[in-house]
N, C-alpha and C. Protein backbone atom coordinates (compact mmCIF):
# COMPACT_ATOMS: atom_id res chain seq x y z
N MET A 1 0.84 -1.18 0.00
CA MET A 1 0.00 0.00 0.00
C MET A 1 0.89 1.25 0.00
N ALA A 2 0.54 2.21 -0.82
CA ALA A 2 1.33 3.44 -0.91
C ALA A 2 0.96 4.38 0.24
N ARG A 3 1.99 5.03 0.77
CA ARG A 3 1.78 5.98 1.85
C ARG A 3 2.31 7.32 1.41
N MET A 4 1.50 8.37 1.59
CA MET A 4 1.93 9.71 1.19
C MET A 4 2.42 10.46 2.41
N THR A 5 3.55 11.12 2.25
CA THR A 5 4.10 11.96 3.31
C THR A 5 4.37 13.34 2.74
N ASN A 6 4.24 14.33 3.57
CA ASN A 6 4.53 15.71 3.17
C ASN A 6 5.79 16.18 3.86
N SER A 7 6.69 16.76 3.10
CA SER A 7 7.86 17.39 3.69
C SER A 7 7.92 18.81 3.18
N THR A 8 8.17 19.75 4.07
CA THR A 8 8.21 21.15 3.65
C THR A 8 9.64 21.57 3.43
N LYS A 9 9.84 22.26 2.34
CA LYS A 9 11.15 22.81 1.99
C LYS A 9 10.93 24.25 1.59
N SER A 10 12.00 25.00 1.52
CA SER A 10 11.90 26.38 1.07
C SER A 10 11.47 26.41 -0.39
N CYS A 11 10.65 27.38 -0.70
CA CYS A 11 10.20 27.56 -2.08
C CYS A 11 11.41 27.90 -2.96
N VAL A 12 11.55 27.21 -4.06
CA VAL A 12 12.71 27.44 -4.93
C VAL A 12 12.58 28.73 -5.73
N TYR A 13 11.36 29.23 -5.89
CA TYR A 13 11.15 30.43 -6.69
C TYR A 13 11.56 31.70 -5.93
N CYS A 14 11.21 31.77 -4.63
CA CYS A 14 11.52 32.97 -3.85
C CYS A 14 12.59 32.72 -2.79
N GLN A 15 13.20 31.54 -2.76
CA GLN A 15 14.23 31.15 -1.79
C GLN A 15 13.73 31.24 -0.35
N GLY A 16 12.44 30.97 -0.15
CA GLY A 16 11.88 30.94 1.20
C GLY A 16 11.49 32.29 1.78
N LYS A 17 11.57 33.36 1.00
CA LYS A 17 11.24 34.70 1.50
C LYS A 17 9.73 34.98 1.47
N GLY A 18 9.02 34.36 0.53
CA GLY A 18 7.59 34.62 0.39
C GLY A 18 7.28 35.75 -0.58
N TYR A 19 8.33 36.41 -1.06
CA TYR A 19 8.17 37.50 -2.02
C TYR A 19 9.42 37.57 -2.88
N PHE A 20 9.34 38.33 -3.96
CA PHE A 20 10.53 38.56 -4.77
C PHE A 20 10.57 40.02 -5.19
N GLN A 21 11.78 40.51 -5.41
CA GLN A 21 11.99 41.91 -5.78
C GLN A 21 11.75 42.10 -7.27
N LEU A 22 11.03 43.14 -7.62
CA LEU A 22 10.81 43.47 -9.03
C LEU A 22 12.00 44.29 -9.55
N LEU A 23 12.28 44.16 -10.82
CA LEU A 23 13.45 44.84 -11.40
C LEU A 23 13.33 46.37 -11.35
N LEU A 24 12.12 46.89 -11.46
CA LEU A 24 11.94 48.33 -11.47
C LEU A 24 11.60 48.89 -10.09
N GLY A 25 11.78 48.09 -9.07
CA GLY A 25 11.51 48.53 -7.70
C GLY A 25 10.25 47.89 -7.14
N GLY A 26 10.21 47.76 -5.86
CA GLY A 26 9.06 47.16 -5.19
C GLY A 26 9.22 45.65 -5.06
N SER A 27 8.19 45.03 -4.52
CA SER A 27 8.21 43.59 -4.35
C SER A 27 6.82 43.03 -4.62
N GLU A 28 6.75 41.73 -4.82
CA GLU A 28 5.48 41.08 -5.11
C GLU A 28 5.44 39.74 -4.40
N THR A 29 4.25 39.37 -3.93
CA THR A 29 4.08 38.07 -3.27
C THR A 29 4.37 36.95 -4.26
N CYS A 30 5.07 35.95 -3.80
CA CYS A 30 5.45 34.82 -4.65
C CYS A 30 4.20 34.04 -5.07
N PRO A 31 3.97 33.88 -6.37
CA PRO A 31 2.79 33.14 -6.84
C PRO A 31 2.93 31.63 -6.65
N CYS A 32 4.14 31.16 -6.48
CA CYS A 32 4.37 29.72 -6.34
C CYS A 32 3.97 29.21 -4.95
N CYS A 33 4.31 29.95 -3.90
CA CYS A 33 4.03 29.51 -2.53
C CYS A 33 2.98 30.39 -1.83
N SER A 34 2.42 31.36 -2.54
CA SER A 34 1.41 32.28 -2.00
C SER A 34 1.91 33.06 -0.79
N GLY A 35 3.19 33.34 -0.75
CA GLY A 35 3.76 34.15 0.30
C GLY A 35 4.17 33.39 1.56
N SER A 36 3.99 32.08 1.58
CA SER A 36 4.34 31.32 2.78
C SER A 36 5.84 31.07 2.89
N GLY A 37 6.54 31.03 1.76
CA GLY A 37 7.97 30.75 1.77
C GLY A 37 8.30 29.27 1.79
N LYS A 38 7.27 28.44 1.90
CA LYS A 38 7.48 27.00 1.95
C LYS A 38 6.71 26.33 0.82
N LYS A 39 7.27 25.26 0.34
CA LYS A 39 6.60 24.50 -0.71
C LYS A 39 6.46 23.06 -0.21
N ALA A 40 5.25 22.55 -0.23
CA ALA A 40 5.01 21.18 0.24
C ALA A 40 5.21 20.23 -0.92
N ASP A 41 6.11 19.27 -0.73
CA ASP A 41 6.35 18.24 -1.74
C ASP A 41 5.67 16.96 -1.26
N LYS A 42 4.88 16.35 -2.12
CA LYS A 42 4.21 15.11 -1.77
C LYS A 42 5.00 13.94 -2.34
N HIS A 43 5.34 13.01 -1.48
CA HIS A 43 6.09 11.82 -1.88
C HIS A 43 5.23 10.58 -1.66
N VAL A 44 5.27 9.68 -2.59
CA VAL A 44 4.57 8.41 -2.44
C VAL A 44 5.61 7.34 -2.21
N SER A 45 5.44 6.61 -1.12
CA SER A 45 6.40 5.54 -0.81
C SER A 45 5.68 4.22 -0.64
């Protein structure tokens, strides 16, 4: 039987900050992690 586990790692898009800097100034919430800074990876074992 397959078992799913969740492990949290830093979001690779924003490096765990939850936002990224725009080139022309300012910042924006990371669309990949919705500002949490963490990305949940689901593994099936």
